[in-house]
């Protein structure tokens, strides 16, 4: 097996036209995904089928829960856990790169 070492922030680039994403690993509902959002880009309402967390590599986002209308601000080097099936949307307040892990 070949092993590869890379800097996480270099695994994805920003795109003005759309949100960039790159699946690093997928096994059933478990997933490791890196996402890049330019300032003001928004991920429309969605949910994770399993518990998950976000780690912000750089930038800042607003994580908005649809059901409760609650918004959490998440900044660079912060980690945020959320439960399965909680509908939410995400808006970038700054150019942002984040790692999403579905557990």
N, C-alpha and C. Protein backbone atom coordinates (compact mmCIF):
# COMPACT_ATOMS: atom_id res chain seq x y z
N UNK A 1 0.84 -1.18 0.00
CA UNK A 1 0.00 0.00 0.00
C UNK A 1 0.89 1.24 0.00
N UNK A 2 0.57 2.22 -0.83
CA UNK A 2 1.29 3.49 -0.86
C UNK A 2 0.61 4.48 0.06
N UNK A 3 1.40 5.15 0.86
CA UNK A 3 0.88 6.16 1.77
C UNK A 3 1.25 7.53 1.22
N UNK A 4 0.36 8.48 1.43
CA UNK A 4 0.57 9.81 0.90
C UNK A 4 0.32 10.83 2.00
N UNK A 5 1.22 11.78 2.13
CA UNK A 5 1.10 12.83 3.14
C UNK A 5 0.88 14.16 2.41
N UNK A 6 -0.15 14.91 2.83
CA UNK A 6 -0.45 16.20 2.21
C UNK A 6 -0.91 17.18 3.26
N UNK A 7 -0.82 18.47 2.95
CA UNK A 7 -1.36 19.50 3.83
C UNK A 7 -2.84 19.65 3.51
N UNK A 8 -3.67 19.59 4.53
CA UNK A 8 -5.12 19.56 4.34
C UNK A 8 -5.64 20.78 3.58
N UNK A 9 -5.09 21.96 3.86
CA UNK A 9 -5.58 23.17 3.20
C UNK A 9 -5.24 23.19 1.71
N UNK A 10 -4.32 22.33 1.27
CA UNK A 10 -3.94 22.28 -0.13
C UNK A 10 -4.73 21.23 -0.93
N UNK A 11 -5.63 20.53 -0.28
CA UNK A 11 -6.41 19.48 -0.95
C UNK A 11 -7.60 20.02 -1.74
N UNK A 12 -7.88 21.32 -1.61
CA UNK A 12 -9.02 21.90 -2.30
C UNK A 12 -8.76 23.37 -2.58
N UNK A 13 -9.34 23.86 -3.68
CA UNK A 13 -9.22 25.27 -4.05
C UNK A 13 -10.60 25.92 -4.05
N UNK A 14 -10.61 27.24 -3.92
CA UNK A 14 -11.85 28.00 -3.99
C UNK A 14 -12.30 28.15 -5.43
N UNK A 15 -13.62 28.29 -5.62
CA UNK A 15 -14.20 28.52 -6.94
C UNK A 15 -15.27 29.61 -6.80
N UNK A 16 -15.20 30.63 -7.65
CA UNK A 16 -16.18 31.71 -7.59
C UNK A 16 -17.57 31.27 -8.04
N UNK A 17 -17.65 30.29 -8.93
CA UNK A 17 -18.93 29.89 -9.52
C UNK A 17 -19.74 28.92 -8.68
N UNK A 18 -19.06 28.12 -7.86
CA UNK A 18 -19.78 27.10 -7.08
C UNK A 18 -18.97 26.69 -5.86
N UNK A 19 -19.60 25.96 -4.98
CA UNK A 19 -18.93 25.42 -3.79
C UNK A 19 -18.06 24.25 -4.25
N UNK A 20 -16.83 24.22 -3.78
CA UNK A 20 -15.92 23.12 -4.10
C UNK A 20 -15.97 22.07 -3.01
N UNK A 21 -15.93 20.81 -3.40
CA UNK A 21 -15.88 19.73 -2.41
C UNK A 21 -15.05 18.59 -2.96
N UNK A 22 -14.46 17.83 -2.05
CA UNK A 22 -13.62 16.71 -2.42
C UNK A 22 -13.79 15.62 -1.37
N UNK A 23 -14.28 14.47 -1.78
CA UNK A 23 -14.45 13.33 -0.87
C UNK A 23 -13.08 12.70 -0.65
N UNK A 24 -12.67 12.66 0.61
CA UNK A 24 -11.38 12.05 0.96
C UNK A 24 -11.53 10.57 1.24
N UNK A 25 -12.69 10.19 1.83
CA UNK A 25 -12.93 8.80 2.21
C UNK A 25 -14.42 8.59 2.34
N UNK A 26 -14.92 7.46 1.84
CA UNK A 26 -16.34 7.13 1.99
C UNK A 26 -16.46 5.64 2.26
N UNK A 27 -17.28 5.31 3.28
CA UNK A 27 -17.55 3.92 3.63
C UNK A 27 -18.98 3.86 4.18
N UNK A 28 -19.94 3.52 3.34
CA UNK A 28 -21.34 3.54 3.75
C UNK A 28 -21.76 4.98 4.02
N UNK A 29 -22.39 5.22 5.17
CA UNK A 29 -22.78 6.58 5.55
C UNK A 29 -21.61 7.37 6.14
N UNK A 30 -20.52 6.69 6.48
CA UNK A 30 -19.35 7.39 7.02
C UNK A 30 -18.61 8.07 5.88
N UNK A 31 -18.16 9.30 6.16
CA UNK A 31 -17.60 10.12 5.09
C UNK A 31 -16.61 11.12 5.66
N UNK A 32 -15.53 11.36 4.95
CA UNK A 32 -14.62 12.47 5.22
C UNK A 32 -14.62 13.32 3.96
N UNK A 33 -14.98 14.58 4.12
CA UNK A 33 -15.20 15.48 2.99
C UNK A 33 -14.57 16.82 3.30
N UNK A 34 -13.89 17.40 2.33
CA UNK A 34 -13.34 18.73 2.50
C UNK A 34 -14.12 19.67 1.58
N UNK A 35 -14.49 20.83 2.10
CA UNK A 35 -15.33 21.79 1.37
C UNK A 35 -14.68 23.16 1.41
N UNK A 36 -14.75 23.88 0.29
CA UNK A 36 -14.27 25.26 0.22
C UNK A 36 -15.42 26.15 -0.23
N UNK A 37 -15.69 27.17 0.57
CA UNK A 37 -16.74 28.15 0.25
C UNK A 37 -16.12 29.54 0.21
N UNK A 38 -16.42 30.28 -0.84
CA UNK A 38 -16.02 31.68 -0.90
C UNK A 38 -16.95 32.48 0.00
N UNK A 39 -16.48 33.65 0.44
CA UNK A 39 -17.30 34.52 1.28
C UNK A 39 -18.67 34.70 0.66
N UNK A 40 -19.73 34.55 1.45
CA UNK A 40 -21.15 34.68 1.10
C UNK A 40 -21.73 33.47 0.35
N UNK A 41 -20.92 32.48 -0.03
CA UNK A 41 -21.51 31.29 -0.63
C UNK A 41 -22.29 30.54 0.44
N UNK A 42 -23.38 29.89 0.00
CA UNK A 42 -24.26 29.20 0.94
C UNK A 42 -24.52 27.77 0.48
N UNK A 43 -24.40 26.85 1.43
CA UNK A 43 -24.83 25.47 1.20
C UNK A 43 -26.30 25.41 1.57
N UNK A 44 -27.14 25.06 0.64
CA UNK A 44 -28.58 25.01 0.88
C UNK A 44 -28.91 23.97 1.95
N UNK A 45 -30.12 24.04 2.46
CA UNK A 45 -30.58 23.15 3.52
C UNK A 45 -30.34 21.69 3.15
N UNK A 46 -29.79 20.95 4.11
CA UNK A 46 -29.52 19.53 3.93
C UNK A 46 -29.38 18.90 5.32
N UNK A 47 -29.09 17.62 5.39
CA UNK A 47 -28.85 16.95 6.66
C UNK A 47 -27.87 15.82 6.46
N UNK A 48 -27.29 15.36 7.55
CA UNK A 48 -26.41 14.20 7.54
C UNK A 48 -27.21 13.00 8.04
N UNK A 49 -27.09 11.85 7.40
CA UNK A 49 -27.83 10.67 7.87
C UNK A 49 -27.24 10.06 9.14
N UNK A 50 -26.05 10.52 9.54
CA UNK A 50 -25.40 10.05 10.77
C UNK A 50 -24.82 11.25 11.51
N UNK A 51 -24.46 11.08 12.79
CA UNK A 51 -23.81 12.15 13.54
C UNK A 51 -22.56 12.60 12.78
N UNK A 52 -22.22 13.88 12.95
CA UNK A 52 -21.10 14.43 12.18
C UNK A 52 -20.44 15.57 12.95
N UNK A 53 -19.29 15.98 12.44
CA UNK A 53 -18.67 17.20 12.94
C UNK A 53 -17.96 17.93 11.83
N UNK A 54 -17.78 19.23 12.05
CA UNK A 54 -17.08 20.11 11.12
C UNK A 54 -15.86 20.66 11.84
N UNK A 55 -14.73 20.66 11.15
CA UNK A 55 -13.52 21.32 11.64
C UNK A 55 -13.17 22.40 10.64
N UNK A 56 -13.11 23.65 11.10
CA UNK A 56 -12.77 24.75 10.21
C UNK A 56 -11.25 24.89 10.10
N UNK A 57 -10.75 24.64 8.92
CA UNK A 57 -9.33 24.76 8.62
C UNK A 57 -8.95 26.23 8.51
N UNK A 58 -9.83 27.00 7.88
CA UNK A 58 -9.66 28.44 7.79
C UNK A 58 -11.02 29.08 7.56
N UNK A 59 -11.16 30.35 7.89
CA UNK A 59 -12.38 31.08 7.62
C UNK A 59 -13.35 31.12 8.78
N UNK A 60 -14.62 31.35 8.42
CA UNK A 60 -15.70 31.48 9.40
C UNK A 60 -17.03 31.19 8.71
N UNK A 61 -17.91 30.46 9.40
CA UNK A 61 -19.24 30.14 8.85
C UNK A 61 -20.33 30.43 9.86
N UNK A 62 -21.54 30.53 9.34
CA UNK A 62 -22.75 30.50 10.16
C UNK A 62 -23.44 29.17 9.85
N UNK A 63 -23.63 28.37 10.90
CA UNK A 63 -24.30 27.08 10.80
C UNK A 63 -25.71 27.29 11.34
N UNK A 64 -26.70 27.18 10.49
CA UNK A 64 -28.08 27.51 10.85
C UNK A 64 -28.95 26.24 10.90
N UNK A 65 -29.56 25.98 12.08
CA UNK A 65 -30.48 24.86 12.25
C UNK A 65 -31.87 25.31 11.79
N UNK A 66 -32.44 24.61 10.85
CA UNK A 66 -33.74 24.99 10.27
C UNK A 66 -34.87 24.89 11.29
N UNK A 67 -34.95 23.78 12.01
CA UNK A 67 -36.08 23.53 12.90
C UNK A 67 -36.17 24.54 14.05
N UNK A 68 -35.04 24.86 14.65
CA UNK A 68 -35.04 25.76 15.82
C UNK A 68 -34.72 27.21 15.45
N UNK A 69 -34.31 27.44 14.21
CA UNK A 69 -33.91 28.76 13.73
C UNK A 69 -32.71 29.30 14.52
N UNK A 70 -31.91 28.40 15.07
CA UNK A 70 -30.72 28.77 15.83
C UNK A 70 -29.50 28.80 14.90
N UNK A 71 -28.64 29.79 15.10
CA UNK A 71 -27.43 29.93 14.29
C UNK A 71 -26.20 29.90 15.20
N UNK A 72 -25.20 29.13 14.79
CA UNK A 72 -23.93 29.04 15.50
C UNK A 72 -22.84 29.59 14.59
N UNK A 73 -21.99 30.45 15.13
CA UNK A 73 -20.83 30.92 14.39
C UNK A 73 -19.67 30.00 14.70
N UNK A 74 -18.99 29.54 13.67
CA UNK A 74 -17.85 28.64 13.83
C UNK A 74 -16.66 29.30 13.11
N UNK A 75 -15.53 29.35 13.80
CA UNK A 75 -14.35 30.05 13.28
C UNK A 75 -13.17 29.09 13.10
N UNK A 76 -12.13 29.60 12.45
CA UNK A 76 -10.91 28.85 12.18
C UNK A 76 -10.43 28.10 13.43
N UNK A 77 -10.06 26.84 13.21
CA UNK A 77 -9.54 25.94 14.24
C UNK A 77 -10.58 25.50 15.26
N UNK A 78 -11.86 25.79 15.02
CA UNK A 78 -12.92 25.30 15.91
C UNK A 78 -13.54 24.05 15.30
N UNK A 79 -14.07 23.23 16.19
CA UNK A 79 -14.76 22.00 15.80
C UNK A 79 -16.19 22.07 16.32
N UNK A 80 -17.15 21.59 15.52
CA UNK A 80 -18.56 21.69 15.87
C UNK A 80 -19.24 20.35 15.58
N UNK A 81 -19.84 19.77 16.60
CA UNK A 81 -20.53 18.49 16.47
C UNK A 81 -22.03 18.71 16.29
N UNK A 82 -22.67 17.87 15.47
CA UNK A 82 -24.13 17.93 15.34
C UNK A 82 -24.68 16.53 15.09
N UNK A 83 -25.94 16.36 15.40
CA UNK A 83 -26.60 15.05 15.35
C UNK A 83 -27.16 14.73 13.96
N UNK A 84 -27.38 13.46 13.73
CA UNK A 84 -27.97 12.99 12.48
C UNK A 84 -29.35 13.60 12.27
N UNK A 85 -29.69 13.81 11.02
CA UNK A 85 -31.02 14.22 10.56
C UNK A 85 -31.44 15.62 11.01
N UNK A 86 -30.51 16.45 11.48
CA UNK A 86 -30.83 17.83 11.83
C UNK A 86 -30.64 18.69 10.58
N UNK A 87 -31.75 19.16 10.02
CA UNK A 87 -31.66 19.99 8.82
C UNK A 87 -30.96 21.30 9.14
N UNK A 88 -30.06 21.69 8.24
CA UNK A 88 -29.27 22.90 8.45
C UNK A 88 -28.80 23.45 7.11
N UNK A 89 -28.38 24.71 7.13
CA UNK A 89 -27.68 25.31 6.00
C UNK A 89 -26.44 26.00 6.53
N UNK A 90 -25.52 26.30 5.64
CA UNK A 90 -24.24 26.89 6.04
C UNK A 90 -23.93 28.05 5.12
N UNK A 91 -23.54 29.19 5.71
CA UNK A 91 -23.14 30.36 4.95
C UNK A 91 -21.74 30.78 5.37
N UNK A 92 -20.88 31.04 4.38
CA UNK A 92 -19.51 31.48 4.66
C UNK A 92 -19.49 32.97 4.94
N UNK A 93 -18.94 33.34 6.09
CA UNK A 93 -18.77 34.76 6.43
C UNK A 93 -17.42 35.27 5.91
N UNK A 94 -16.49 34.35 5.68
CA UNK A 94 -15.17 34.62 5.10
C UNK A 94 -14.88 33.45 4.16
N UNK A 95 -13.88 33.58 3.31
CA UNK A 95 -13.43 32.42 2.54
C UNK A 95 -13.10 31.32 3.54
N UNK A 96 -13.67 30.14 3.31
CA UNK A 96 -13.61 29.07 4.32
C UNK A 96 -13.27 27.73 3.69
N UNK A 97 -12.41 27.00 4.39
CA UNK A 97 -12.15 25.59 4.07
C UNK A 97 -12.47 24.79 5.33
N UNK A 98 -13.24 23.73 5.16
CA UNK A 98 -13.62 22.92 6.32
C UNK A 98 -13.58 21.44 5.99
N UNK A 99 -13.34 20.69 7.03
CA UNK A 99 -13.36 19.24 6.96
C UNK A 99 -14.64 18.76 7.63
N UNK A 100 -15.42 17.96 6.92
CA UNK A 100 -16.66 17.39 7.46
C UNK A 100 -16.44 15.90 7.64
N UNK A 101 -16.72 15.42 8.83
CA UNK A 101 -16.58 13.99 9.13
C UNK A 101 -17.94 13.47 9.58
N UNK A 102 -18.48 12.53 8.83
CA UNK A 102 -19.68 11.80 9.25
C UNK A 102 -19.23 10.55 9.96
N UNK A 103 -19.72 10.36 11.17
CA UNK A 103 -19.24 9.27 12.01
C UNK A 103 -20.12 8.04 11.87
